[in-house]
Structure formats: C-alpha cells, structure tokens
Amino acid sequence: MLQSDGLVAFVKRACPACALIEPIMQQVAGKLPAFQVVSQDDPKFPKRVANVLDDRELDHSFLSNIEFTPTLIRFEGGREAERVVGWDRDGWRRLTGIRDLGEGLPAFQPG
C-alpha cells in the first residue's frame, strides 16, 4: 500500500537516471523513516532500501499520474503536496531536507 504521509519515489531499474541515483535513495532511506520506493519493474530495486512497493502492474504509478521515472512525491494526509520529476538535485534536496544530497552527481538528469 502506498503511504499517505512522507516521501515516495517512483523508479524502475531500466531507467538510467534511476540507476544513477540508487545510492541517493539508499541515503534517503537511511535518514528518513517516512520514505517509500515504488519500483515499476523490479521489487529488489533499489538494493538496501527496506520499504519498496512492487508496482510491476503499474497500478500505483497510474493512480499517481507517473509519466517519468524517477519521480519523487511528498504526500501529506494522503494528498500530493509536491513533486519533482527526474533527478533534480535541488528539488530532491528541498523535499528531503538533506542539504548535501547528490554531491558529485550531475545537477539534473531527466527521467
């Protein structure tokens, strides 16, 4: 089930930008307990992230209007409050509150 509060990242292993930010998702999962990953093609991706929802049927992605991966959404009370599409370092930093997130990675990588 999709969590109603916190951050949810929609990803897929076959997405080059998602593969690029696998360590970022691991870092966020280690720092924020209200972080969930919805994996569209591999429920074991990303590695070392405990809260991964299998979405190979794309039900959750469809209901959340996901057109590109990665997409990071902040939910509050079951409603979307903010969304960042693709790897956008500044956007991911803003939503996670992790100031040094993505050091050494490109500032932007489309999904």
PDB file of N, CA and C in Angstrom:
ATOM      1  N   MET A   1       0.833  -1.184   0.000  1.00  0.00           N
ATOM      2  CA  MET A   1       0.000   0.000   0.000  1.00  0.00           C
ATOM      3  C   MET A   1       0.880   1.252   0.000  1.00  0.00           C
ATOM      4  N   LEU A   2       0.467   2.220  -0.754  1.00  0.00           N
ATOM      5  CA  LEU A   2       1.194   3.480  -0.836  1.00  0.00           C
ATOM      6  C   LEU A   2       1.000   4.260   0.460  1.00  0.00           C
ATOM      7  N   GLN A   3       2.108   4.749   1.017  1.00  0.00           N
ATOM      8  CA  GLN A   3       1.997   5.501   2.271  1.00  0.00           C
ATOM      9  C   GLN A   3       1.326   6.847   2.029  1.00  0.00           C
ATOM     10  N   SER A   4       0.626   7.334   3.046  1.00  0.00           N
ATOM     11  CA  SER A   4      -0.148   8.560   2.887  1.00  0.00           C
ATOM     12  C   SER A   4       0.601   9.801   3.358  1.00  0.00           C
ATOM     13  N   ASP A   5       1.684   9.613   4.090  1.00  0.00           N
ATOM     14  CA  ASP A   5       2.497  10.743   4.553  1.00  0.00           C
ATOM     15  C   ASP A   5       3.965  10.426   4.339  1.00  0.00           C
ATOM     16  N   GLY A   6       4.695  11.398   3.850  1.00  0.00           N
ATOM     17  CA  GLY A   6       6.126  11.221   3.637  1.00  0.00           C
ATOM     18  C   GLY A   6       6.479  11.288   2.168  1.00  0.00           C
ATOM     19  N   LEU A   7       7.678  10.798   1.862  1.00  0.00           N
ATOM     20  CA  LEU A   7       8.204  10.853   0.502  1.00  0.00           C
ATOM     21  C   LEU A   7       8.076   9.495  -0.173  1.00  0.00           C
ATOM     22  N   VAL A   8       7.681   9.532  -1.437  1.00  0.00           N
ATOM     23  CA  VAL A   8       7.563   8.322  -2.239  1.00  0.00           C
ATOM     24  C   VAL A   8       8.302   8.565  -3.550  1.00  0.00           C
ATOM     25  N   ALA A   9       9.245   7.664  -3.852  1.00  0.00           N
ATOM     26  CA  ALA A   9       9.993   7.738  -5.108  1.00  0.00           C
ATOM     27  C   ALA A   9       9.504   6.639  -6.036  1.00  0.00           C
ATOM     28  N   PHE A  10       9.095   7.012  -7.238  1.00  0.00           N
ATOM     29  CA  PHE A  10       8.681   6.068  -8.266  1.00  0.00           C
ATOM     30  C   PHE A  10       9.873   5.856  -9.190  1.00  0.00           C
ATOM     31  N   VAL A  11      10.315   4.598  -9.309  1.00  0.00           N
ATOM     32  CA  VAL A  11      11.536   4.291 -10.055  1.00  0.00           C
ATOM     33  C   VAL A  11      11.372   2.989 -10.830  1.00  0.00           C
ATOM     34  N   LYS A  12      12.357   2.734 -11.695  1.00  0.00           N
ATOM     35  CA  LYS A  12      12.484   1.421 -12.325  1.00  0.00           C
ATOM     36  C   LYS A  12      13.955   1.179 -12.634  1.00  0.00           C
ATOM     37  N   ARG A  13      14.354  -0.071 -12.506  1.00  0.00           N
ATOM     38  CA  ARG A  13      15.756  -0.433 -12.717  1.00  0.00           C
ATOM     39  C   ARG A  13      16.211  -0.082 -14.135  1.00  0.00           C
ATOM     40  N   ALA A  14      15.344  -0.228 -15.126  1.00  0.00           N
ATOM     41  CA  ALA A  14      15.706   0.016 -16.520  1.00  0.00           C
ATOM     42  C   ALA A  14      15.916   1.496 -16.835  1.00  0.00           C
ATOM     43  N   CYS A  15      15.628   2.370 -15.911  1.00  0.00           N
ATOM     44  CA  CYS A  15      15.771   3.811 -16.109  1.00  0.00           C
ATOM     45  C   CYS A  15      17.201   4.241 -15.757  1.00  0.00           C
ATOM     46  N   PRO A  16      17.949   4.824 -16.715  1.00  0.00           N
ATOM     47  CA  PRO A  16      19.326   5.238 -16.432  1.00  0.00           C
ATOM     48  C   PRO A  16      19.436   6.254 -15.285  1.00  0.00           C
ATOM     49  N   ALA A  17      18.502   7.189 -15.207  1.00  0.00           N
ATOM     50  CA  ALA A  17      18.549   8.176 -14.116  1.00  0.00           C
ATOM     51  C   ALA A  17      18.294   7.500 -12.770  1.00  0.00           C
ATOM     52  N   CYS A  18      17.415   6.510 -12.751  1.00  0.00           N
ATOM     53  CA  CYS A  18      17.128   5.782 -11.504  1.00  0.00           C
ATOM     54  C   CYS A  18      18.357   4.998 -11.053  1.00  0.00           C
ATOM     55  N   ALA A  19      19.039   4.360 -11.997  1.00  0.00           N
ATOM     56  CA  ALA A  19      20.260   3.623 -11.660  1.00  0.00           C
ATOM     57  C   ALA A  19      21.314   4.584 -11.113  1.00  0.00           C
ATOM     58  N   LEU A  20      21.398   5.759 -11.701  1.00  0.00           N
ATOM     59  CA  LEU A  20      22.353   6.781 -11.244  1.00  0.00           C
ATOM     60  C   LEU A  20      22.115   7.162  -9.792  1.00  0.00           C
ATOM     61  N   ILE A  21      20.846   7.266  -9.396  1.00  0.00           N
ATOM     62  CA  ILE A  21      20.535   7.752  -8.053  1.00  0.00           C
ATOM     63  C   ILE A  21      20.242   6.635  -7.051  1.00  0.00           C
ATOM     64  N   GLU A  22      20.570   5.394  -7.388  1.00  0.00           N
ATOM     65  CA  GLU A  22      20.364   4.311  -6.419  1.00  0.00           C
ATOM     66  C   GLU A  22      21.038   4.630  -5.078  1.00  0.00           C
ATOM     67  N   PRO A  23      22.293   5.115  -5.053  1.00  0.00           N
ATOM     68  CA  PRO A  23      22.896   5.462  -3.761  1.00  0.00           C
ATOM     69  C   PRO A  23      22.169   6.602  -3.043  1.00  0.00           C
ATOM     70  N   ILE A  24      21.552   7.488  -3.806  1.00  0.00           N
ATOM     71  CA  ILE A  24      20.787   8.594  -3.217  1.00  0.00           C
ATOM     72  C   ILE A  24      19.566   8.039  -2.486  1.00  0.00           C
ATOM     73  N   MET A  25      18.874   7.099  -3.127  1.00  0.00           N
ATOM     74  CA  MET A  25      17.701   6.504  -2.490  1.00  0.00           C
ATOM     75  C   MET A  25      18.099   5.746  -1.223  1.00  0.00           C
ATOM     76  N   GLN A  26      19.241   5.085  -1.246  1.00  0.00           N
ATOM     77  CA  GLN A  26      19.735   4.393  -0.057  1.00  0.00           C
ATOM     78  C   GLN A  26      20.026   5.390   1.062  1.00  0.00           C
ATOM     79  N   GLN A  27      20.629   6.515   0.701  1.00  0.00           N
ATOM     80  CA  GLN A  27      20.930   7.561   1.686  1.00  0.00           C
ATOM     81  C   GLN A  27      19.648   8.127   2.288  1.00  0.00           C
ATOM     82  N   VAL A  28      18.676   8.442   1.444  1.00  0.00           N
ATOM     83  CA  VAL A  28      17.400   8.983   1.934  1.00  0.00           C
ATOM     84  C   VAL A  28      16.704   7.968   2.838  1.00  0.00           C
ATOM     85  N   ALA A  29      16.688   6.697   2.435  1.00  0.00           N
ATOM     86  CA  ALA A  29      16.050   5.655   3.243  1.00  0.00           C
ATOM     87  C   ALA A  29      16.714   5.531   4.612  1.00  0.00           C
ATOM     88  N   GLY A  30      18.022   5.740   4.670  1.00  0.00           N
ATOM     89  CA  GLY A  30      18.740   5.657   5.936  1.00  0.00           C
ATOM     90  C   GLY A  30      18.486   6.830   6.860  1.00  0.00           C
ATOM     91  N   LYS A  31      18.086   7.962   6.287  1.00  0.00           N
ATOM     92  CA  LYS A  31      17.888   9.172   7.092  1.00  0.00           C
ATOM     93  C   LYS A  31      16.438   9.498   7.383  1.00  0.00           C
ATOM     94  N   LEU A  32      15.534   9.092   6.501  1.00  0.00           N
ATOM     95  CA  LEU A  32      14.123   9.456   6.659  1.00  0.00           C
ATOM     96  C   LEU A  32      13.258   8.206   6.783  1.00  0.00           C
ATOM     97  N   PRO A  33      12.656   7.987   7.946  1.00  0.00           N
ATOM     98  CA  PRO A  33      11.821   6.788   8.103  1.00  0.00           C
ATOM     99  C   PRO A  33      10.565   6.798   7.229  1.00  0.00           C
ATOM    100  N   ALA A  34      10.078   7.969   6.854  1.00  0.00           N
ATOM    101  CA  ALA A  34       8.866   8.058   6.032  1.00  0.00           C
ATOM    102  C   ALA A  34       9.245   8.175   4.558  1.00  0.00           C
ATOM    103  N   PHE A  35      10.064   7.217   4.081  1.00  0.00           N
ATOM    104  CA  PHE A  35      10.481   7.191   2.679  1.00  0.00           C
ATOM    105  C   PHE A  35      10.110   5.829   2.112  1.00  0.00           C
ATOM    106  N   GLN A  36       9.414   5.847   0.986  1.00  0.00           N
ATOM    107  CA  GLN A  36       8.991   4.621   0.319  1.00  0.00           C
ATOM    108  C   GLN A  36       9.401   4.687  -1.140  1.00  0.00           C
ATOM    109  N   VAL A  37       9.797   3.554  -1.680  1.00  0.00           N
ATOM    110  CA  VAL A  37      10.120   3.447  -3.097  1.00  0.00           C
ATOM    111  C   VAL A  37       9.079   2.558  -3.761  1.00  0.00           C
ATOM    112  N   VAL A  38       8.574   3.010  -4.894  1.00  0.00           N
ATOM    113  CA  VAL A  38       7.636   2.234  -5.706  1.00  0.00           C
ATOM    114  C   VAL A  38       8.405   1.831  -6.961  1.00  0.00           C
ATOM    115  N   SER A  39       8.694   0.540  -7.069  1.00  0.00           N
ATOM    116  CA  SER A  39       9.518   0.044  -8.168  1.00  0.00           C
ATOM    117  C   SER A  39       8.632  -0.556  -9.257  1.00  0.00           C
ATOM    118  N   GLN A  40       8.747  -0.007 -10.455  1.00  0.00           N
ATOM    119  CA  GLN A  40       7.876  -0.417 -11.555  1.00  0.00           C
ATOM    120  C   GLN A  40       8.291  -1.714 -12.239  1.00  0.00           C
ATOM    121  N   ASP A  41       9.550  -2.115 -12.089  1.00  0.00           N
ATOM    122  CA  ASP A  41       9.971  -3.298 -12.841  1.00  0.00           C
ATOM    123  C   ASP A  41      10.767  -4.322 -12.042  1.00  0.00           C
ATOM    124  N   ASP A  42      11.192  -4.006 -10.827  1.00  0.00           N
ATOM    125  CA  ASP A  42      11.988  -4.951 -10.043  1.00  0.00           C
ATOM    126  C   ASP A  42      11.819  -4.640  -8.558  1.00  0.00           C
ATOM    127  N   PRO A  43      11.088  -5.474  -7.832  1.00  0.00           N
ATOM    128  CA  PRO A  43      10.853  -5.202  -6.412  1.00  0.00           C
ATOM    129  C   PRO A  43      12.115  -5.287  -5.551  1.00  0.00           C
ATOM    130  N   LYS A  44      13.239  -5.693  -6.138  1.00  0.00           N
ATOM    131  CA  LYS A  44      14.513  -5.723  -5.406  1.00  0.00           C
ATOM    132  C   LYS A  44      15.363  -4.497  -5.717  1.00  0.00           C
ATOM    133  N   PHE A  45      14.792  -3.548  -6.420  1.00  0.00           N
ATOM    134  CA  PHE A  45      15.489  -2.301  -6.761  1.00  0.00           C
ATOM    135  C   PHE A  45      14.804  -1.145  -6.060  1.00  0.00           C
ATOM    136  N   PRO A  46      15.544  -0.296  -5.425  1.00  0.00           N
ATOM    137  CA  PRO A  46      16.991  -0.308  -5.214  1.00  0.00           C
ATOM    138  C   PRO A  46      17.390  -1.240  -4.071  1.00  0.00           C
ATOM    139  N   LYS A  47      18.644  -1.695  -4.139  1.00  0.00           N
ATOM    140  CA  LYS A  47      19.183  -2.539  -3.077  1.00  0.00           C
ATOM    141  C   LYS A  47      19.278  -1.733  -1.783  1.00  0.00           C
ATOM    142  N   ARG A  48      19.212  -2.441  -0.679  1.00  0.00           N
ATOM    143  CA  ARG A  48      19.403  -1.873   0.666  1.00  0.00           C
ATOM    144  C   ARG A  48      18.395  -0.776   1.013  1.00  0.00           C
ATOM    145  N   VAL A  49      17.203  -0.865   0.424  1.00  0.00           N
ATOM    146  CA  VAL A  49      16.098   0.011   0.809  1.00  0.00           C
ATOM    147  C   VAL A  49      14.964  -0.913   1.253  1.00  0.00           C
ATOM    148  N   ALA A  50      14.552  -0.766   2.508  1.00  0.00           N
ATOM    149  CA  ALA A  50      13.596  -1.705   3.092  1.00  0.00           C
ATOM    150  C   ALA A  50      12.172  -1.517   2.590  1.00  0.00           C
ATOM    151  N   ASN A  51      11.742  -0.290   2.409  1.00  0.00           N
ATOM    152  CA  ASN A  51      10.343  -0.020   2.095  1.00  0.00           C
ATOM    153  C   ASN A  51      10.152   0.146   0.583  1.00  0.00           C
ATOM    154  N   VAL A  52      10.137  -1.001  -0.137  1.00  0.00           N
ATOM    155  CA  VAL A  52       9.951  -0.989  -1.591  1.00  0.00           C
ATOM    156  C   VAL A  52       8.621  -1.675  -1.912  1.00  0.00           C
ATOM    157  N   LEU A  53       7.793  -0.982  -2.662  1.00  0.00           N
ATOM    158  CA  LEU A  53       6.499  -1.493  -3.079  1.00  0.00           C
ATOM    159  C   LEU A  53       6.598  -1.992  -4.526  1.00  0.00           C
ATOM    160  N   ASP A  54       6.200  -3.223  -4.761  1.00  0.00           N
ATOM    161  CA  ASP A  54       6.218  -3.825  -6.090  1.00  0.00           C
ATOM    162  C   ASP A  54       5.071  -3.251  -6.913  1.00  0.00           C
ATOM    163  N   ASP A  55       5.404  -2.559  -7.990  1.00  0.00           N
ATOM    164  CA  ASP A  55       4.382  -1.951  -8.839  1.00  0.00           C
ATOM    165  C   ASP A  55       4.529  -2.412 -10.290  1.00  0.00           C
ATOM    166  N   ARG A  56       4.878  -3.685 -10.475  1.00  0.00           N
ATOM    167  CA  ARG A  56       5.029  -4.189 -11.842  1.00  0.00           C
ATOM    168  C   ARG A  56       3.730  -4.135 -12.620  1.00  0.00           C
ATOM    169  N   GLU A  57       2.596  -4.110 -11.945  1.00  0.00           N
ATOM    170  CA  GLU A  57       1.299  -3.956 -12.620  1.00  0.00           C
ATOM    171  C   GLU A  57       0.992  -2.480 -12.912  1.00  0.00           C
ATOM    172  N   LEU A  58       1.787  -1.586 -12.361  1.00  0.00           N
ATOM    173  CA  LEU A  58       1.704  -0.133 -12.562  1.00  0.00           C
ATOM    174  C   LEU A  58       0.431   0.508 -12.003  1.00  0.00           C
ATOM    175  N   ASP A  59      -0.246  -0.182 -11.107  1.00  0.00           N
ATOM    176  CA  ASP A  59      -1.469   0.373 -10.514  1.00  0.00           C
ATOM    177  C   ASP A  59      -1.190   1.661  -9.749  1.00  0.00           C
ATOM    178  N   HIS A  60      -0.178   1.638  -8.888  1.00  0.00           N
ATOM    179  CA  HIS A  60       0.133   2.825  -8.077  1.00  0.00           C
ATOM    180  C   HIS A  60       0.671   3.955  -8.949  1.00  0.00           C
ATOM    181  N   SER A  61       1.474   3.599  -9.931  1.00  0.00           N
ATOM    182  CA  SER A  61       2.015   4.614 -10.842  1.00  0.00           C
ATOM    183  C   SER A  61       0.899   5.287 -11.631  1.00  0.00           C
ATOM    184  N   PHE A  62      -0.058   4.504 -12.098  1.00  0.00           N
ATOM    185  CA  PHE A  62      -1.184   5.052 -12.848  1.00  0.00           C
ATOM    186  C   PHE A  62      -2.003   5.998 -11.969  1.00  0.00           C
ATOM    187  N   LEU A  63      -2.329   5.556 -10.753  1.00  0.00           N
ATOM    188  CA  LEU A  63      -3.140   6.387  -9.851  1.00  0.00           C
ATOM    189  C   LEU A  63      -2.424   7.671  -9.432  1.00  0.00           C
ATOM    190  N   SER A  64      -1.082   7.642  -9.464  1.00  0.00           N
ATOM    191  CA  SER A  64      -0.302   8.827  -9.087  1.00  0.00           C
ATOM    192  C   SER A  64       0.131   9.647 -10.299  1.00  0.00           C
ATOM    193  N   ASN A  65      -0.375   9.296 -11.479  1.00  0.00           N
ATOM    194  CA  ASN A  65      -0.063  10.033 -12.722  1.00  0.00           C
ATOM    195  C   ASN A  65       1.431  10.129 -12.991  1.00  0.00           C
ATOM    196  N   ILE A  66       2.119   9.008 -12.864  1.00  0.00           N
ATOM    197  CA  ILE A  66       3.559   8.969 -13.114  1.00  0.00           C
ATOM    198  C   ILE A  66       3.794   8.779 -14.602  1.00  0.00           C
ATOM    199  N   GLU A  67       4.469   9.747 -15.202  1.00  0.00           N
ATOM    200  CA  GLU A  67       4.806   9.666 -16.619  1.00  0.00           C
ATOM    201  C   GLU A  67       6.277   9.351 -16.832  1.00  0.00           C
ATOM    202  N   PHE A  68       7.125   9.758 -15.877  1.00  0.00           N
ATOM    203  CA  PHE A  68       8.566   9.564 -15.994  1.00  0.00           C
ATOM    204  C   PHE A  68       9.122   9.085 -14.663  1.00  0.00           C
ATOM    205  N   THR A  69      10.176   8.297 -14.751  1.00  0.00           N
ATOM    206  CA  THR A  69      10.916   7.914 -13.555  1.00  0.00           C
ATOM    207  C   THR A  69      12.320   8.493 -13.672  1.00  0.00           C
ATOM    208  N   PRO A  70      12.922   8.860 -12.580  1.00  0.00           N
ATOM    209  CA  PRO A  70      12.356   8.873 -11.238  1.00  0.00           C
ATOM    210  C   PRO A  70      11.427  10.064 -11.027  1.00  0.00           C
ATOM    211  N   THR A  71      10.455   9.866 -10.168  1.00  0.00           N
ATOM    212  CA  THR A  71       9.593  10.949  -9.706  1.00  0.00           C
ATOM    213  C   THR A  71       9.513  10.838  -8.190  1.00  0.00           C
ATOM    214  N   LEU A  72       9.768  11.933  -7.504  1.00  0.00           N
ATOM    215  CA  LEU A  72       9.705  11.986  -6.054  1.00  0.00           C
ATOM    216  C   LEU A  72       8.503  12.837  -5.656  1.00  0.00           C
ATOM    217  N   ILE A  73       7.633  12.275  -4.812  1.00  0.00           N
ATOM    218  CA  ILE A  73       6.420  12.979  -4.392  1.00  0.00           C
ATOM    219  C   ILE A  73       6.379  13.050  -2.872  1.00  0.00           C
ATOM    220  N   ARG A  74       6.028  14.217  -2.368  1.00  0.00           N
ATOM    221  CA  ARG A  74       5.775  14.373  -0.929  1.00  0.00           C
ATOM    222  C   ARG A  74       4.269  14.333  -0.723  1.00  0.00           C
ATOM    223  N   PHE A  75       3.820  13.375   0.111  1.00  0.00           N
ATOM    224  CA  PHE A  75       2.408  13.229   0.443  1.00  0.00           C
ATOM    225  C   PHE A  75       2.162  13.746   1.855  1.00  0.00           C
ATOM    226  N   GLU A  76       1.040  14.421   2.022  1.00  0.00           N
ATOM    227  CA  GLU A  76       0.582  14.890   3.334  1.00  0.00           C
ATOM    228  C   GLU A  76      -0.889  14.529   3.456  1.00  0.00           C
ATOM    229  N   GLY A  77      -1.215  13.697   4.438  1.00  0.00           N
ATOM    230  CA  GLY A  77      -2.610  13.295   4.638  1.00  0.00           C
ATOM    231  C   GLY A  77      -3.223  12.613   3.438  1.00  0.00           C
ATOM    232  N   GLY A  78      -2.407  11.849   2.707  1.00  0.00           N
ATOM    233  CA  GLY A  78      -2.909  11.119   1.554  1.00  0.00           C
ATOM    234  C   GLY A  78      -3.004  11.934   0.274  1.00  0.00           C
ATOM    235  N   ARG A  79      -2.593  13.188   0.335  1.00  0.00           N
ATOM    236  CA  ARG A  79      -2.650  14.049  -0.859  1.00  0.00           C
ATOM    237  C   ARG A  79      -1.257  14.493  -1.264  1.00  0.00           C
ATOM    238  N   GLU A  80      -1.082  14.622  -2.559  1.00  0.00           N
ATOM    239  CA  GLU A  80       0.198  15.094  -3.061  1.00  0.00           C
ATOM    240  C   GLU A  80       0.389  16.556  -2.696  1.00  0.00           C
ATOM    241  N   ALA A  81       1.545  16.858  -2.094  1.00  0.00           N
ATOM    242  CA  ALA A  81       1.871  18.230  -1.723  1.00  0.00           C
ATOM    243  C   ALA A  81       2.892  18.836  -2.684  1.00  0.00           C
ATOM    244  N   GLU A  82       3.795  18.001  -3.189  1.00  0.00           N
ATOM    245  CA  GLU A  82       4.835  18.497  -4.097  1.00  0.00           C
ATOM    246  C   GLU A  82       5.440  17.325  -4.847  1.00  0.00           C
ATOM    247  N   ARG A  83       5.958  17.610  -6.049  1.00  0.00           N
ATOM    248  CA  ARG A  83       6.531  16.577  -6.917  1.00  0.00           C
ATOM    249  C   ARG A  83       7.768  17.106  -7.611  1.00  0.00           C
ATOM    250  N   VAL A  84       8.766  16.228  -7.773  1.00  0.00           N
ATOM    251  CA  VAL A  84       9.966  16.512  -8.553  1.00  0.00           C
ATOM    252  C   VAL A  84      10.106  15.391  -9.566  1.00  0.00           C
ATOM    253  N   VAL A  85      10.226  15.743 -10.843  1.00  0.00           N
ATOM    254  CA  VAL A  85      10.337  14.755 -11.914  1.00  0.00           C
ATOM    255  C   VAL A  85      11.780  14.710 -12.391  1.00  0.00           C
ATOM    256  N   GLY A  86      12.309  13.490 -12.526  1.00  0.00           N
ATOM    257  CA  GLY A  86      13.699  13.308 -12.911  1.00  0.00           C
ATOM    258  C   GLY A  86      14.602  13.489 -11.698  1.00  0.00           C
ATOM    259  N   TRP A  87      15.883  13.351 -11.929  1.00  0.00           N
ATOM    260  CA  TRP A  87      16.840  13.653 -10.871  1.00  0.00           C
ATOM    261  C   TRP A  87      17.145  15.143 -10.974  1.00  0.00           C
ATOM    262  N   ASP A  88      16.634  15.888 -10.036  1.00  0.00           N
ATOM    263  CA  ASP A  88      16.859  17.325  -9.918  1.00  0.00           C
ATOM    264  C   ASP A  88      17.417  17.528  -8.514  1.00  0.00           C
ATOM    265  N   ARG A  89      18.735  17.704  -8.431  1.00  0.00           N
ATOM    266  CA  ARG A  89      19.405  17.755  -7.130  1.00  0.00           C
ATOM    267  C   ARG A  89      18.767  18.758  -6.185  1.00  0.00           C
ATOM    268  N   ASP A  90      18.503  19.961  -6.664  1.00  0.00           N
ATOM    269  CA  ASP A  90      17.905  20.987  -5.800  1.00  0.00           C
ATOM    270  C   ASP A  90      16.504  20.582  -5.339  1.00  0.00           C
ATOM    271  N   GLY A  91      15.716  20.001  -6.227  1.00  0.00           N
ATOM    272  CA  GLY A  91      14.369  19.561  -5.866  1.00  0.00           C
ATOM    273  C   GLY A  91      14.389  18.429  -4.852  1.00  0.00           C
ATOM    274  N   TRP A  92      15.262  17.451  -5.062  1.00  0.00           N
ATOM    275  CA  TRP A  92      15.365  16.339  -4.123  1.00  0.00           C
ATOM    276  C   TRP A  92      15.879  16.840  -2.767  1.00  0.00           C
ATOM    277  N   ARG A  93      16.811  17.770  -2.784  1.00  0.00           N
ATOM    278  CA  ARG A  93      17.305  18.336  -1.521  1.00  0.00           C
ATOM    279  C   ARG A  93      16.184  19.060  -0.783  1.00  0.00           C
ATOM    280  N   ARG A  94      15.398  19.815  -1.519  1.00  0.00           N
ATOM    281  CA  ARG A  94      14.293  20.561  -0.902  1.00  0.00           C
ATOM    282  C   ARG A  94      13.282  19.611  -0.265  1.00  0.00           C
ATOM    283  N   LEU A  95      12.872  18.578  -0.998  1.00  0.00           N
ATOM    284  CA  LEU A  95      11.861  17.660  -0.478  1.00  0.00           C
ATOM    285  C   LEU A  95      12.382  16.798   0.670  1.00  0.00           C
ATOM    286  N   THR A  96      13.644  16.377   0.606  1.00  0.00           N
ATOM    287  CA  THR A  96      14.185  15.503   1.658  1.00  0.00           C
ATOM    288  C   THR A  96      14.727  16.280   2.848  1.00  0.00           C
ATOM    289  N   GLY A  97      15.140  17.538   2.611  1.00  0.00           N
ATOM    290  CA  GLY A  97      15.778  18.305   3.680  1.00  0.00           C
ATOM    291  C   GLY A  97      17.229  17.914   3.898  1.00  0.00           C
ATOM    292  N   ILE A  98      17.790  17.097   3.014  1.00  0.00           N
ATOM    293  CA  ILE A  98      19.184  16.663   3.124  1.00  0.00           C
ATOM    294  C   ILE A  98      20.039  17.593   2.260  1.00  0.00           C
ATOM    295  N   ARG A  99      20.766  18.475   2.902  1.00  0.00           N
ATOM    296  CA  ARG A  99      21.488  19.540   2.189  1.00  0.00           C
ATOM    297  C   ARG A  99      22.567  19.073   1.231  1.00  0.00           C
ATOM    298  N   ASP A 100      23.275  18.012   1.582  1.00  0.00           N
ATOM    299  CA  ASP A 100      24.395  17.566   0.743  1.00  0.00           C
ATOM    300  C   ASP A 100      24.015  16.410  -0.182  1.00  0.00           C
ATOM    301  N   LEU A 101      22.755  16.158  -0.336  1.00  0.00           N
ATOM    302  CA  LEU A 101      22.281  15.047  -1.160  1.00  0.00           C
ATOM    303  C   LEU A 101      22.762  15.213  -2.605  1.00  0.00           C
ATOM    304  N   GLY A 102      23.357  14.158  -3.140  1.00  0.00           N
ATOM    305  CA  GLY A 102      23.741  14.169  -4.544  1.00  0.00           C
ATOM    306  C   GLY A 102      25.042  14.867  -4.876  1.00  0.00           C
ATOM    307  N   GLU A 103      25.864  15.127  -3.863  1.00  0.00           N
ATOM    308  CA  GLU A 103      27.180  15.711  -4.156  1.00  0.00           C
ATOM    309  C   GLU A 103      27.920  14.799  -5.117  1.00  0.00           C
ATOM    310  N   GLY A 104      28.521  15.369  -6.140  1.00  0.00           N
ATOM    311  CA  GLY A 104      29.261  14.588  -7.099  1.00  0.00           C
ATOM    312  C   GLY A 104      28.439  14.071  -8.263  1.00  0.00           C
ATOM    313  N   LEU A 105      27.124  14.215  -8.193  1.00  0.00           N
ATOM    314  CA  LEU A 105      26.267  13.804  -9.300  1.00  0.00           C
ATOM    315  C   LEU A 105      25.905  15.033 -10.136  1.00  0.00           C
ATOM    316  N   PRO A 106      25.493  14.821 -11.392  1.00  0.00           N
ATOM    317  CA  PRO A 106      25.016  15.969 -12.177  1.00  0.00           C
ATOM    318  C   PRO A 106      23.854  16.658 -11.482  1.00  0.00           C
ATOM    319  N   ALA A 107      23.700  17.942 -11.707  1.00  0.00           N
ATOM    320  CA  ALA A 107      22.614  18.699 -11.074  1.00  0.00           C
ATOM    321  C   ALA A 107      21.251  18.230 -11.572  1.00  0.00           C
ATOM    322  N   PHE A 108      21.188  17.758 -12.816  1.00  0.00           N
ATOM    323  CA  PHE A 108      19.907  17.326 -13.377  1.00  0.00           C
ATOM    324  C   PHE A 108      20.137  16.159 -14.315  1.00  0.00           C
ATOM    325  N   GLN A 109      19.254  15.199 -14.258  1.00  0.00           N
ATOM    326  CA  GLN A 109      19.237  14.073 -15.196  1.00  0.00           C
ATOM    327  C   GLN A 109      17.770  13.764 -15.461  1.00  0.00           C
ATOM    328  N   PRO A 110      17.306  13.961 -16.688  1.00  0.00           N
ATOM    329  CA  PRO A 110      15.888  13.700 -16.957  1.00  0.00           C
ATOM    330  C   PRO A 110      15.566  12.228 -16.789  1.00  0.00           C
ATOM    331  N   GLY A 111      14.289  11.970 -16.595  1.00  0.00           N
ATOM    332  CA  GLY A 111      13.829  10.579 -16.435  1.00  0.00           C
ATOM    333  C   GLY A 111      13.604   9.923 -17.755  1.00  0.00           C
TER     334      GLY A 111
END
